[in-house]
Amino acid sequence: DAPERDIASELIREKVMLELRQELPYRAAVVVEAMDESRRTDAKKPLVTVSAVIHVEKDSQKAMVIGKKGQRIKAIGERARKEIERLLGCQVMLELLVRVEPDWTTSDKGMAKVGYTRR
């Protein structure tokens, strides 16, 4: 029942975890910042554009996510795009950015910025 945007975010985060394995266990969050569905019902070529940001805490983590010559972020994007296409039932253009959000896991403001709240 979760909105497609939230599911897409979790699918991307899952692919980050699978690609990085234990290098970056829980210090990554994914926020889908935009989801353009204006061409979703196009009879000739249905398309949804998803723009997401992978938030990490340190520059070294950003480098891990991007990988040498961008290979890791490309692999993350390809795997996530295929899953999101299955979810949405149409072609998806996935735009991924990696942003350093220092100590986001330890502050209420940082947690809120990436879509989490403390209880």
Protein backbone atom coordinates (compact mmCIF):
# COMPACT_ATOMS: atom_id res chain seq x y z
CA ASP A 1 0.00 0.00 0.00
CA ALA A 2 3.02 2.28 0.17
CA PRO A 3 3.15 5.01 -2.46
CA GLU A 4 5.19 4.16 -5.54
CA ARG A 5 7.64 6.93 -4.66
CA ASP A 6 8.44 5.30 -1.30
CA ILE A 7 8.78 1.86 -2.87
CA ALA A 8 11.12 3.26 -5.53
CA SER A 9 13.22 4.83 -2.80
CA GLU A 10 13.49 1.53 -0.94
CA LEU A 11 14.33 -0.36 -4.14
CA ILE A 12 17.19 2.03 -4.82
CA ARG A 13 18.41 1.74 -1.21
CA GLU A 14 18.29 -2.05 -1.49
CA LYS A 15 20.47 -1.93 -4.61
CA VAL A 16 22.94 0.36 -2.79
CA MET A 17 23.18 -2.19 0.01
CA LEU A 18 23.56 -5.10 -2.40
CA GLU A 19 26.29 -3.36 -4.39
CA LEU A 20 28.22 -2.17 -1.35
CA ARG A 21 27.59 -5.23 0.77
CA GLN A 22 29.03 -4.45 4.22
CA GLU A 23 31.11 -1.43 3.24
CA LEU A 24 28.25 0.97 4.01
CA PRO A 25 25.80 -0.93 6.22
CA TYR A 26 23.20 1.60 7.30
CA ARG A 27 24.60 5.08 6.74
CA ALA A 28 22.88 5.60 3.42
CA ALA A 29 19.42 6.96 2.80
CA VAL A 30 17.61 7.47 -0.48
CA VAL A 31 15.15 10.27 -1.14
CA VAL A 32 13.15 10.39 -4.37
CA GLU A 33 13.09 14.12 -4.98
CA ALA A 34 11.00 14.10 -8.15
CA MET A 35 8.88 11.65 -10.07
CA ASP A 36 7.66 12.97 -13.42
CA GLU A 37 4.75 10.87 -14.62
CA SER A 38 3.55 13.24 -17.33
CA ARG A 39 4.44 10.72 -20.07
CA ARG A 40 3.32 7.60 -18.17
CA THR A 41 0.16 7.21 -20.21
CA ASP A 42 1.80 8.00 -23.57
CA ALA A 43 0.47 5.34 -25.95
CA LYS A 44 3.66 5.21 -28.04
CA LYS A 45 6.34 5.30 -25.35
CA PRO A 46 5.22 5.43 -21.71
CA LEU A 47 7.97 6.87 -19.51
CA VAL A 48 8.44 7.92 -15.89
CA THR A 49 11.47 9.98 -14.86
CA VAL A 50 12.67 9.38 -11.31
CA SER A 51 15.24 11.70 -9.71
CA ALA A 52 16.71 10.40 -6.47
CA VAL A 53 19.49 11.38 -4.09
CA ILE A 54 21.56 8.88 -2.13
CA HIS A 55 22.58 10.58 1.12
CA VAL A 56 25.78 9.49 2.87
CA GLU A 57 27.66 10.97 5.83
CA LYS A 58 31.22 11.30 4.53
CA ASP A 59 33.13 12.04 1.34
CA SER A 60 34.76 8.61 1.61
CA GLN A 61 31.32 6.98 1.58
CA LYS A 62 30.35 9.06 -1.45
CA ALA A 63 33.43 7.77 -3.25
CA MET A 64 32.44 4.19 -2.36
CA VAL A 65 28.93 4.67 -3.74
CA ILE A 66 30.16 6.24 -6.97
CA GLY A 67 33.00 3.75 -7.42
CA LYS A 68 35.94 3.86 -9.77
CA LYS A 69 34.98 5.80 -12.90
CA GLY A 70 31.34 5.74 -11.77
CA GLN A 71 31.00 1.99 -12.23
CA ARG A 72 29.28 1.30 -8.91
CA ILE A 73 26.65 4.04 -9.19
CA LYS A 74 25.98 2.87 -12.75
CA ALA A 75 25.42 -0.71 -11.53
CA ILE A 76 23.16 0.53 -8.73
CA GLY A 77 21.15 2.58 -11.23
CA GLU A 78 20.77 -0.23 -13.73
CA ARG A 79 19.59 -2.72 -11.12
CA ALA A 80 17.21 -0.25 -9.50
CA ARG A 81 15.81 0.95 -12.82
CA LYS A 82 14.86 -2.59 -13.84
CA GLU A 83 13.00 -3.15 -10.56
CA ILE A 84 11.23 0.21 -10.75
CA GLU A 85 10.18 -0.53 -14.34
CA ARG A 86 8.57 -3.78 -13.13
CA LEU A 87 6.83 -1.87 -10.35
CA LEU A 88 5.50 0.90 -12.59
CA GLY A 89 4.88 -1.18 -15.70
CA CYS A 90 6.62 1.25 -18.05
CA GLN A 91 10.04 2.50 -19.08
CA VAL A 92 11.91 4.48 -16.41
CA MET A 93 14.64 7.07 -16.70
CA LEU A 94 16.47 7.04 -13.37
CA GLU A 95 18.68 9.93 -12.33
CA LEU A 96 20.85 9.28 -9.27
CA LEU A 97 22.95 11.77 -7.33
CA VAL A 98 25.09 11.13 -4.27
CA ARG A 99 25.13 13.87 -1.66
CA VAL A 100 27.15 14.13 1.55
CA GLU A 101 24.91 15.00 4.50
CA PRO A 102 27.34 15.07 7.48
CA ASP A 103 26.18 13.10 10.54
CA TRP A 104 22.61 12.78 9.27
CA THR A 105 22.09 9.67 11.42
CA THR A 106 22.88 11.48 14.67
CA SER A 107 20.76 14.64 14.42
CA ASP A 108 17.01 15.15 14.30
CA LYS A 109 17.45 17.74 11.54
CA GLY A 110 19.55 15.35 9.46
CA MET A 111 17.09 12.49 9.96
CA ALA A 112 14.19 14.72 8.93
CA LYS A 113 16.07 15.90 5.83
CA VAL A 114 16.30 12.33 4.53
CA GLY A 115 12.72 11.49 5.49
CA TYR A 116 13.10 9.79 8.86
CA THR A 117 11.74 10.79 12.25
CA ARG A 118 12.89 9.71 15.68
CA ARG A 119 10.38 8.24 18.08
